Amino acid sequence: MSVNIHLSLYVERLSSPAEADIVEVAVEKVLKDHGIDSWMRVAVFHNPPWVKASSEDGPIIVRGFSEWSKIFERDVRDAIGGVAPEADIDLEWGYPDED
């Protein structure tokens, strides 16, 4: 069964604009690897340095969300932790069909 979800990802406590740029690349790769890059918008900010990714234009349609979300969250933590180990990662799911 497929489910509609919204995804918001905020990566803060980055040490520099350069680290924010590196995190942006890592986030974009995870989104692409999971096939949701076309549904997501990624933005990088330099002052202060942080990265945002969100499905602000509409929900993402995911099959097998329960299992997929665990793998996705792990991949996000691993990718960001590999390039910015001190980063604060806030990943939130929204369920528009429940509103």
PDB file of N, CA and C in Angstrom:
ATOM      1  N   MET A   1       0.822  -1.170   0.000  1.00  0.00           N
ATOM      2  CA  MET A   1       0.000   0.000   0.000  1.00  0.00           C
ATOM      3  C   MET A   1       0.879   1.251   0.000  1.00  0.00           C
ATOM      4  N   SER A   2       0.475   2.254  -0.736  1.00  0.00           N
ATOM      5  CA  SER A   2       1.203   3.517  -0.797  1.00  0.00           C
ATOM      6  C   SER A   2       0.618   4.508   0.194  1.00  0.00           C
ATOM      7  N   VAL A   3       1.463   5.423   0.645  1.00  0.00           N
ATOM      8  CA  VAL A   3       1.038   6.450   1.579  1.00  0.00           C
ATOM      9  C   VAL A   3       1.597   7.791   1.105  1.00  0.00           C
ATOM     10  N   ASN A   4       0.836   8.850   1.342  1.00  0.00           N
ATOM     11  CA  ASN A   4       1.303  10.200   1.060  1.00  0.00           C
ATOM     12  C   ASN A   4       1.968  10.750   2.311  1.00  0.00           C
ATOM     13  N   ILE A   5       3.162  11.285   2.153  1.00  0.00           N
ATOM     14  CA  ILE A   5       3.878  11.846   3.296  1.00  0.00           C
ATOM     15  C   ILE A   5       4.506  13.179   2.910  1.00  0.00           C
ATOM     16  N   HIS A   6       4.737  13.995   3.918  1.00  0.00           N
ATOM     17  CA  HIS A   6       5.558  15.192   3.775  1.00  0.00           C
ATOM     18  C   HIS A   6       6.835  14.933   4.561  1.00  0.00           C
ATOM     19  N   LEU A   7       7.932  15.439   4.048  1.00  0.00           N
ATOM     20  CA  LEU A   7       9.222  15.275   4.699  1.00  0.00           C
ATOM     21  C   LEU A   7       9.851  16.640   4.890  1.00  0.00           C
ATOM     22  N   SER A   8      10.301  16.902   6.104  1.00  0.00           N
ATOM     23  CA  SER A   8      11.073  18.103   6.411  1.00  0.00           C
ATOM     24  C   SER A   8      12.360  17.661   7.076  1.00  0.00           C
ATOM     25  N   LEU A   9      13.467  18.156   6.576  1.00  0.00           N
ATOM     26  CA  LEU A   9      14.783  17.820   7.112  1.00  0.00           C
ATOM     27  C   LEU A   9      15.554  19.114   7.318  1.00  0.00           C
ATOM     28  N   TYR A  10      15.997  19.327   8.542  1.00  0.00           N
ATOM     29  CA  TYR A  10      16.789  20.506   8.878  1.00  0.00           C
ATOM     30  C   TYR A  10      18.116  20.026   9.454  1.00  0.00           C
ATOM     31  N   VAL A  11      19.210  20.554   8.920  1.00  0.00           N
ATOM     32  CA  VAL A  11      20.537  20.193   9.405  1.00  0.00           C
ATOM     33  C   VAL A  11      21.194  21.477   9.891  1.00  0.00           C
ATOM     34  N   GLU A  12      21.407  21.547  11.200  1.00  0.00           N
ATOM     35  CA  GLU A  12      21.956  22.752  11.820  1.00  0.00           C
ATOM     36  C   GLU A  12      23.226  22.417  12.598  1.00  0.00           C
ATOM     37  N   ARG A  13      23.775  23.445  13.273  1.00  0.00           N
ATOM     38  CA  ARG A  13      25.046  23.329  14.005  1.00  0.00           C
ATOM     39  C   ARG A  13      26.183  22.947  13.068  1.00  0.00           C
ATOM     40  N   LEU A  14      26.192  23.541  11.899  1.00  0.00           N
ATOM     41  CA  LEU A  14      27.282  23.314  10.958  1.00  0.00           C
ATOM     42  C   LEU A  14      28.381  24.336  11.227  1.00  0.00           C
ATOM     43  N   SER A  15      29.613  23.937  10.995  1.00  0.00           N
ATOM     44  CA  SER A  15      30.754  24.754  11.406  1.00  0.00           C
ATOM     45  C   SER A  15      31.089  25.892  10.450  1.00  0.00           C
ATOM     46  N   SER A  16      30.637  25.795   9.198  1.00  0.00           N
ATOM     47  CA  SER A  16      31.030  26.806   8.218  1.00  0.00           C
ATOM     48  C   SER A  16      30.125  26.725   6.992  1.00  0.00           C
ATOM     49  N   PRO A  17      30.151  27.760   6.167  1.00  0.00           N
ATOM     50  CA  PRO A  17      29.427  27.685   4.896  1.00  0.00           C
ATOM     51  C   PRO A  17      29.913  26.525   4.019  1.00  0.00           C
ATOM     52  N   ALA A  18      31.209  26.250   4.061  1.00  0.00           N
ATOM     53  CA  ALA A  18      31.747  25.137   3.262  1.00  0.00           C
ATOM     54  C   ALA A  18      31.158  23.810   3.730  1.00  0.00           C
ATOM     55  N   GLU A  19      31.013  23.639   5.045  1.00  0.00           N
ATOM     56  CA  GLU A  19      30.417  22.405   5.549  1.00  0.00           C
ATOM     57  C   GLU A  19      28.952  22.312   5.137  1.00  0.00           C
ATOM     58  N   ALA A  20      28.242  23.433   5.126  1.00  0.00           N
ATOM     59  CA  ALA A  20      26.853  23.440   4.669  1.00  0.00           C
ATOM     60  C   ALA A  20      26.765  22.991   3.212  1.00  0.00           C
ATOM     61  N   ASP A  21      27.685  23.444   2.384  1.00  0.00           N
ATOM     62  CA  ASP A  21      27.703  23.028   0.976  1.00  0.00           C
ATOM     63  C   ASP A  21      27.944  21.529   0.837  1.00  0.00           C
ATOM     64  N   ILE A  22      28.825  20.995   1.662  1.00  0.00           N
ATOM     65  CA  ILE A  22      29.119  19.557   1.628  1.00  0.00           C
ATOM     66  C   ILE A  22      27.896  18.755   2.088  1.00  0.00           C
ATOM     67  N   VAL A  23      27.218  19.242   3.122  1.00  0.00           N
ATOM     68  CA  VAL A  23      26.007  18.575   3.609  1.00  0.00           C
ATOM     69  C   VAL A  23      24.924  18.607   2.535  1.00  0.00           C
ATOM     70  N   GLU A  24      24.794  19.718   1.842  1.00  0.00           N
ATOM     71  CA  GLU A  24      23.810  19.810   0.760  1.00  0.00           C
ATOM     72  C   GLU A  24      24.032  18.707  -0.262  1.00  0.00           C
ATOM     73  N   VAL A  25      25.264  18.489  -0.660  1.00  0.00           N
ATOM     74  CA  VAL A  25      25.580  17.443  -1.637  1.00  0.00           C
ATOM     75  C   VAL A  25      25.227  16.069  -1.075  1.00  0.00           C
ATOM     76  N   ALA A  26      25.549  15.833   0.188  1.00  0.00           N
ATOM     77  CA  ALA A  26      25.248  14.535   0.811  1.00  0.00           C
ATOM     78  C   ALA A  26      23.737  14.294   0.872  1.00  0.00           C
ATOM     79  N   VAL A  27      22.968  15.320   1.236  1.00  0.00           N
ATOM     80  CA  VAL A  27      21.514  15.194   1.307  1.00  0.00           C
ATOM     81  C   VAL A  27      20.939  14.923  -0.076  1.00  0.00           C
ATOM     82  N   GLU A  28      21.393  15.668  -1.069  1.00  0.00           N
ATOM     83  CA  GLU A  28      20.892  15.466  -2.430  1.00  0.00           C
ATOM     84  C   GLU A  28      21.174  14.047  -2.922  1.00  0.00           C
ATOM     85  N   LYS A  29      22.322  13.493  -2.556  1.00  0.00           N
ATOM     86  CA  LYS A  29      22.652  12.125  -2.974  1.00  0.00           C
ATOM     87  C   LYS A  29      21.702  11.109  -2.332  1.00  0.00           C
ATOM     88  N   VAL A  30      21.410  11.275  -1.047  1.00  0.00           N
ATOM     89  CA  VAL A  30      20.484  10.353  -0.379  1.00  0.00           C
ATOM     90  C   VAL A  30      19.098  10.441  -1.010  1.00  0.00           C
ATOM     91  N   LEU A  31      18.645  11.651  -1.276  1.00  0.00           N
ATOM     92  CA  LEU A  31      17.326  11.821  -1.904  1.00  0.00           C
ATOM     93  C   LEU A  31      17.287  11.139  -3.266  1.00  0.00           C
ATOM     94  N   LYS A  32      18.352  11.296  -4.033  1.00  0.00           N
ATOM     95  CA  LYS A  32      18.418  10.670  -5.356  1.00  0.00           C
ATOM     96  C   LYS A  32      18.480   9.150  -5.235  1.00  0.00           C
ATOM     97  N   ASP A  33      19.306   8.658  -4.317  1.00  0.00           N
ATOM     98  CA  ASP A  33      19.431   7.212  -4.121  1.00  0.00           C
ATOM     99  C   ASP A  33      18.091   6.575  -3.746  1.00  0.00           C
ATOM    100  N   HIS A  34      17.246   7.322  -3.055  1.00  0.00           N
ATOM    101  CA  HIS A  34      15.934   6.802  -2.637  1.00  0.00           C
ATOM    102  C   HIS A  34      14.823   7.146  -3.620  1.00  0.00           C
ATOM    103  N   GLY A  35      15.182   7.815  -4.711  1.00  0.00           N
ATOM    104  CA  GLY A  35      14.219   8.093  -5.764  1.00  0.00           C
ATOM    105  C   GLY A  35      13.181   9.151  -5.426  1.00  0.00           C
ATOM    106  N   ILE A  36      13.492  10.033  -4.460  1.00  0.00           N
ATOM    107  CA  ILE A  36      12.524  11.068  -4.094  1.00  0.00           C
ATOM    108  C   ILE A  36      13.040  12.474  -4.396  1.00  0.00           C
ATOM    109  N   ASP A  37      14.151  12.576  -5.081  1.00  0.00           N
ATOM    110  CA  ASP A  37      14.744  13.886  -5.351  1.00  0.00           C
ATOM    111  C   ASP A  37      13.823  14.800  -6.148  1.00  0.00           C
ATOM    112  N   SER A  38      12.991  14.253  -7.020  1.00  0.00           N
ATOM    113  CA  SER A  38      12.108  15.099  -7.827  1.00  0.00           C
ATOM    114  C   SER A  38      10.980  15.716  -6.995  1.00  0.00           C
ATOM    115  N   TRP A  39      10.706  15.159  -5.812  1.00  0.00           N
ATOM    116  CA  TRP A  39       9.661  15.681  -4.935  1.00  0.00           C
ATOM    117  C   TRP A  39      10.195  16.680  -3.904  1.00  0.00           C
ATOM    118  N   MET A  40      11.504  16.784  -3.817  1.00  0.00           N
ATOM    119  CA  MET A  40      12.118  17.543  -2.733  1.00  0.00           C
ATOM    120  C   MET A  40      12.775  18.831  -3.227  1.00  0.00           C
ATOM    121  N   ARG A  41      12.801  19.812  -2.345  1.00  0.00           N
ATOM    122  CA  ARG A  41      13.560  21.045  -2.565  1.00  0.00           C
ATOM    123  C   ARG A  41      14.631  21.104  -1.490  1.00  0.00           C
ATOM    124  N   VAL A  42      15.857  21.366  -1.929  1.00  0.00           N
ATOM    125  CA  VAL A  42      16.981  21.465  -1.001  1.00  0.00           C
ATOM    126  C   VAL A  42      17.517  22.889  -1.071  1.00  0.00           C
ATOM    127  N   ALA A  43      17.745  23.474   0.091  1.00  0.00           N
ATOM    128  CA  ALA A  43      18.299  24.830   0.157  1.00  0.00           C
ATOM    129  C   ALA A  43      19.448  24.843   1.151  1.00  0.00           C
ATOM    130  N   VAL A  44      20.473  25.597   0.812  1.00  0.00           N
ATOM    131  CA  VAL A  44      21.618  25.761   1.713  1.00  0.00           C
ATOM    132  C   VAL A  44      21.708  27.230   2.102  1.00  0.00           C
ATOM    133  N   PHE A  45      22.001  27.454   3.373  1.00  0.00           N
ATOM    134  CA  PHE A  45      22.124  28.803   3.916  1.00  0.00           C
ATOM    135  C   PHE A  45      23.519  28.940   4.523  1.00  0.00           C
ATOM    136  N   HIS A  46      24.093  30.114   4.391  1.00  0.00           N
ATOM    137  CA  HIS A  46      25.469  30.293   4.843  1.00  0.00           C
ATOM    138  C   HIS A  46      25.624  31.129   6.105  1.00  0.00           C
ATOM    139  N   ASN A  47      24.629  31.936   6.455  1.00  0.00           N
ATOM    140  CA  ASN A  47      24.802  32.809   7.612  1.00  0.00           C
ATOM    141  C   ASN A  47      23.538  32.838   8.448  1.00  0.00           C
ATOM    142  N   PRO A  48      23.393  31.974   9.429  1.00  0.00           N
ATOM    143  CA  PRO A  48      24.315  30.920   9.836  1.00  0.00           C
ATOM    144  C   PRO A  48      24.227  29.723   8.898  1.00  0.00           C
ATOM    145  N   PRO A  49      25.239  28.857   8.918  1.00  0.00           N
ATOM    146  CA  PRO A  49      25.238  27.700   8.005  1.00  0.00           C
ATOM    147  C   PRO A  49      24.257  26.612   8.446  1.00  0.00           C
ATOM    148  N   TRP A  50      23.338  26.281   7.534  1.00  0.00           N
ATOM    149  CA  TRP A  50      22.400  25.182   7.761  1.00  0.00           C
ATOM    150  C   TRP A  50      21.813  24.755   6.431  1.00  0.00           C
ATOM    151  N   VAL A  51      21.170  23.590   6.407  1.00  0.00           N
ATOM    152  CA  VAL A  51      20.592  23.024   5.182  1.00  0.00           C
ATOM    153  C   VAL A  51      19.164  22.596   5.486  1.00  0.00           C
ATOM    154  N   LYS A  52      18.291  22.829   4.515  1.00  0.00           N
ATOM    155  CA  LYS A  52      16.886  22.444   4.625  1.00  0.00           C
ATOM    156  C   LYS A  52      16.516  21.629   3.393  1.00  0.00           C
ATOM    157  N   ALA A  53      15.769  20.559   3.600  1.00  0.00           N
ATOM    158  CA  ALA A  53      15.186  19.786   2.503  1.00  0.00           C
ATOM    159  C   ALA A  53      13.733  19.534   2.870  1.00  0.00           C
ATOM    160  N   SER A  54      12.833  19.790   1.929  1.00  0.00           N
ATOM    161  CA  SER A  54      11.422  19.574   2.248  1.00  0.00           C
ATOM    162  C   SER A  54      10.610  19.268   0.998  1.00  0.00           C
ATOM    163  N   SER A  55       9.497  18.625   1.246  1.00  0.00           N
ATOM    164  CA  SER A  55       8.555  18.290   0.175  1.00  0.00           C
ATOM    165  C   SER A  55       7.468  19.354   0.147  1.00  0.00           C
ATOM    166  N   GLU A  56       7.871  20.603   0.067  1.00  0.00           N
ATOM    167  CA  GLU A  56       6.941  21.723   0.223  1.00  0.00           C
ATOM    168  C   GLU A  56       5.961  21.889  -0.932  1.00  0.00           C
ATOM    169  N   ASP A  57       6.222  21.304  -2.079  1.00  0.00           N
ATOM    170  CA  ASP A  57       5.324  21.457  -3.228  1.00  0.00           C
ATOM    171  C   ASP A  57       4.215  20.414  -3.273  1.00  0.00           C
ATOM    172  N   GLY A  58       4.260  19.453  -2.396  1.00  0.00           N
ATOM    173  CA  GLY A  58       3.241  18.402  -2.381  1.00  0.00           C
ATOM    174  C   GLY A  58       3.796  17.152  -1.741  1.00  0.00           C
ATOM    175  N   PRO A  59       2.939  16.202  -1.414  1.00  0.00           N
ATOM    176  CA  PRO A  59       3.395  15.004  -0.721  1.00  0.00           C
ATOM    177  C   PRO A  59       4.202  14.065  -1.614  1.00  0.00           C
ATOM    178  N   ILE A  60       4.997  13.256  -0.944  1.00  0.00           N
ATOM    179  CA  ILE A  60       5.749  12.179  -1.576  1.00  0.00           C
ATOM    180  C   ILE A  60       4.886  10.925  -1.456  1.00  0.00           C
ATOM    181  N   ILE A  61       4.845  10.129  -2.493  1.00  0.00           N
ATOM    182  CA  ILE A  61       4.077   8.886  -2.469  1.00  0.00           C
ATOM    183  C   ILE A  61       5.066   7.739  -2.272  1.00  0.00           C
ATOM    184  N   VAL A  62       4.895   6.999  -1.177  1.00  0.00           N
ATOM    185  CA  VAL A  62       5.842   5.949  -0.816  1.00  0.00           C
ATOM    186  C   VAL A  62       5.095   4.643  -0.587  1.00  0.00           C
ATOM    187  N   ARG A  63       5.631   3.588  -1.159  1.00  0.00           N
ATOM    188  CA  ARG A  63       5.104   2.239  -0.925  1.00  0.00           C
ATOM    189  C   ARG A  63       5.962   1.595   0.173  1.00  0.00           C
ATOM    190  N   GLY A  64       5.326   0.931   1.107  1.00  0.00           N
ATOM    191  CA  GLY A  64       6.050   0.264   2.189  1.00  0.00           C
ATOM    192  C   GLY A  64       6.739   1.255   3.107  1.00  0.00           C
ATOM    193  N   PHE A  65       6.022   2.315   3.482  1.00  0.00           N
ATOM    194  CA  PHE A  65       6.619   3.426   4.220  1.00  0.00           C
ATOM    195  C   PHE A  65       7.300   2.996   5.514  1.00  0.00           C
ATOM    196  N   SER A  66       6.700   2.116   6.272  1.00  0.00           N
ATOM    197  CA  SER A  66       7.253   1.736   7.570  1.00  0.00           C
ATOM    198  C   SER A  66       8.694   1.239   7.449  1.00  0.00           C
ATOM    199  N   GLU A  67       8.942   0.319   6.564  1.00  0.00           N
ATOM    200  CA  GLU A  67      10.293  -0.214   6.372  1.00  0.00           C
ATOM    201  C   GLU A  67      11.187   0.798   5.664  1.00  0.00           C
ATOM    202  N   TRP A  68      10.662   1.416   4.616  1.00  0.00           N
ATOM    203  CA  TRP A  68      11.448   2.376   3.840  1.00  0.00           C
ATOM    204  C   TRP A  68      11.922   3.533   4.708  1.00  0.00           C
ATOM    205  N   SER A  69      11.050   4.052   5.576  1.00  0.00           N
ATOM    206  CA  SER A  69      11.416   5.216   6.388  1.00  0.00           C
ATOM    207  C   SER A  69      12.580   4.911   7.329  1.00  0.00           C
ATOM    208  N   LYS A  70      12.638   3.698   7.866  1.00  0.00           N
ATOM    209  CA  LYS A  70      13.755   3.317   8.736  1.00  0.00           C
ATOM    210  C   LYS A  70      15.070   3.344   7.967  1.00  0.00           C
ATOM    211  N   ILE A  71      15.055   2.795   6.772  1.00  0.00           N
ATOM    212  CA  ILE A  71      16.260   2.760   5.939  1.00  0.00           C
ATOM    213  C   ILE A  71      16.649   4.177   5.520  1.00  0.00           C
ATOM    214  N   PHE A  72      15.663   4.972   5.120  1.00  0.00           N
ATOM    215  CA  PHE A  72      15.928   6.342   4.713  1.00  0.00           C
ATOM    216  C   PHE A  72      16.543   7.154   5.858  1.00  0.00           C
ATOM    217  N   GLU A  73      15.957   7.059   7.048  1.00  0.00           N
ATOM    218  CA  GLU A  73      16.480   7.794   8.196  1.00  0.00           C
ATOM    219  C   GLU A  73      17.912   7.368   8.522  1.00  0.00           C
ATOM    220  N   ARG A  74      18.189   6.088   8.453  1.00  0.00           N
ATOM    221  CA  ARG A  74      19.558   5.601   8.681  1.00  0.00           C
ATOM    222  C   ARG A  74      20.512   6.178   7.651  1.00  0.00           C
ATOM    223  N   ASP A  75      20.093   6.153   6.372  1.00  0.00           N
ATOM    224  CA  ASP A  75      20.955   6.669   5.307  1.00  0.00           C
ATOM    225  C   ASP A  75      21.213   8.164   5.455  1.00  0.00           C
ATOM    226  N   VAL A  76      20.203   8.916   5.890  1.00  0.00           N
ATOM    227  CA  VAL A  76      20.387  10.353   6.137  1.00  0.00           C
ATOM    228  C   VAL A  76      21.400  10.568   7.254  1.00  0.00           C
ATOM    229  N   ARG A  77      21.219   9.867   8.372  1.00  0.00           N
ATOM    230  CA  ARG A  77      22.158  10.010   9.498  1.00  0.00           C
ATOM    231  C   ARG A  77      23.576   9.634   9.092  1.00  0.00           C
ATOM    232  N   ASP A  78      23.726   8.539   8.349  1.00  0.00           N
ATOM    233  CA  ASP A  78      25.059   8.100   7.930  1.00  0.00           C
ATOM    234  C   ASP A  78      25.711   9.090   6.980  1.00  0.00           C
ATOM    235  N   ALA A  79      24.949   9.583   6.014  1.00  0.00           N
ATOM    236  CA  ALA A  79      25.506  10.502   5.015  1.00  0.00           C
ATOM    237  C   ALA A  79      25.926  11.819   5.652  1.00  0.00           C
ATOM    238  N   ILE A  80      25.066  12.381   6.481  1.00  0.00           N
ATOM    239  CA  ILE A  80      25.389  13.664   7.116  1.00  0.00           C
ATOM    240  C   ILE A  80      26.476  13.478   8.171  1.00  0.00           C
ATOM    241  N   GLY A  81      26.358  12.425   8.961  1.00  0.00           N
ATOM    242  CA  GLY A  81      27.368  12.154   9.980  1.00  0.00           C
ATOM    243  C   GLY A  81      28.748  11.922   9.393  1.00  0.00           C
ATOM    244  N   GLY A  82      28.795  11.416   8.174  1.00  0.00           N
ATOM    245  CA  GLY A  82      30.079  11.172   7.526  1.00  0.00           C
ATOM    246  C   GLY A  82      30.790  12.435   7.092  1.00  0.00           C
ATOM    247  N   VAL A  83      30.056  13.519   6.881  1.00  0.00           N
ATOM    248  CA  VAL A  83      30.684  14.772   6.423  1.00  0.00           C
ATOM    249  C   VAL A  83      30.591  15.888   7.456  1.00  0.00           C
ATOM    250  N   ALA A  84      29.672  15.765   8.417  1.00  0.00           N
ATOM    251  CA  ALA A  84      29.489  16.797   9.445  1.00  0.00           C
ATOM    252  C   ALA A  84      29.082  16.121  10.752  1.00  0.00           C
ATOM    253  N   PRO A  85      30.033  15.480  11.433  1.00  0.00           N
ATOM    254  CA  PRO A  85      29.696  14.674  12.605  1.00  0.00           C
ATOM    255  C   PRO A  85      29.065  15.445  13.763  1.00  0.00           C
ATOM    256  N   GLU A  86      29.250  16.745  13.832  1.00  0.00           N
ATOM    257  CA  GLU A  86      28.681  17.543  14.923  1.00  0.00           C
ATOM    258  C   GLU A  86      27.321  18.140  14.573  1.00  0.00           C
ATOM    259  N   ALA A  87      26.818  17.854  13.383  1.00  0.00           N
ATOM    260  CA  ALA A  87      25.552  18.436  12.918  1.00  0.00           C
ATOM    261  C   ALA A  87      24.374  17.958  13.758  1.00  0.00           C
ATOM    262  N   ASP A  88      23.393  18.816  13.870  1.00  0.00           N
ATOM    263  CA  ASP A  88      22.124  18.490  14.510  1.00  0.00           C
ATOM    264  C   ASP A  88      21.123  18.207  13.397  1.00  0.00           C
ATOM    265  N   ILE A  89      20.588  16.985  13.347  1.00  0.00           N
ATOM    266  CA  ILE A  89      19.674  16.555  12.283  1.00  0.00           C
ATOM    267  C   ILE A  89      18.261  16.463  12.848  1.00  0.00           C
ATOM    268  N   ASP A  90      17.344  17.201  12.227  1.00  0.00           N
ATOM    269  CA  ASP A  90      15.936  17.158  12.621  1.00  0.00           C
ATOM    270  C   ASP A  90      15.145  16.698  11.403  1.00  0.00           C
ATOM    271  N   LEU A  91      14.641  15.468  11.449  1.00  0.00           N
ATOM    272  CA  LEU A  91      13.880  14.884  10.343  1.00  0.00           C
ATOM    273  C   LEU A  91      12.458  14.644  10.831  1.00  0.00           C
ATOM    274  N   GLU A  92      11.489  15.222  10.137  1.00  0.00           N
ATOM    275  CA  GLU A  92      10.097  15.105  10.547  1.00  0.00           C
ATOM    276  C   GLU A  92       9.235  14.612   9.395  1.00  0.00           C
ATOM    277  N   TRP A  93       8.314  13.706   9.709  1.00  0.00           N
ATOM    278  CA  TRP A  93       7.347  13.198   8.744  1.00  0.00           C
ATOM    279  C   TRP A  93       5.996  13.840   9.001  1.00  0.00           C
ATOM    280  N   GLY A  94       5.284  14.163   7.954  1.00  0.00           N
ATOM    281  CA  GLY A  94       3.915  14.649   8.065  1.00  0.00           C
ATOM    282  C   GLY A  94       3.005  13.743   7.256  1.00  0.00           C
ATOM    283  N   TYR A  95       1.771  13.647   7.664  1.00  0.00           N
ATOM    284  CA  TYR A  95       0.811  12.746   7.036  1.00  0.00           C
ATOM    285  C   TYR A  95      -0.413  13.564   6.577  1.00  0.00           C
ATOM    286  N   PRO A  96      -0.371  14.118   5.370  1.00  0.00           N
ATOM    287  CA  PRO A  96      -1.432  15.019   4.924  1.00  0.00           C
ATOM    288  C   PRO A  96      -2.806  14.364   4.821  1.00  0.00           C
ATOM    289  N   ASP A  97      -2.870  13.080   4.644  1.00  0.00           N
ATOM    290  CA  ASP A  97      -4.169  12.410   4.532  1.00  0.00           C
ATOM    291  C   ASP A  97      -4.899  12.315   5.873  1.00  0.00           C
ATOM    292  N   GLU A  98      -4.158  12.551   6.968  1.00  0.00           N
ATOM    293  CA  GLU A  98      -4.761  12.488   8.287  1.00  0.00           C
ATOM    294  C   GLU A  98      -5.305  13.836   8.744  1.00  0.00           C
ATOM    295  N   ASP A  99      -5.021  14.888   7.994  1.00  0.00           N
ATOM    296  CA  ASP A  99      -5.484  16.233   8.363  1.00  0.00           C
ATOM    297  C   ASP A  99      -6.952  16.424   8.067  1.00  0.00           C
TER     298      ASP A  99
END
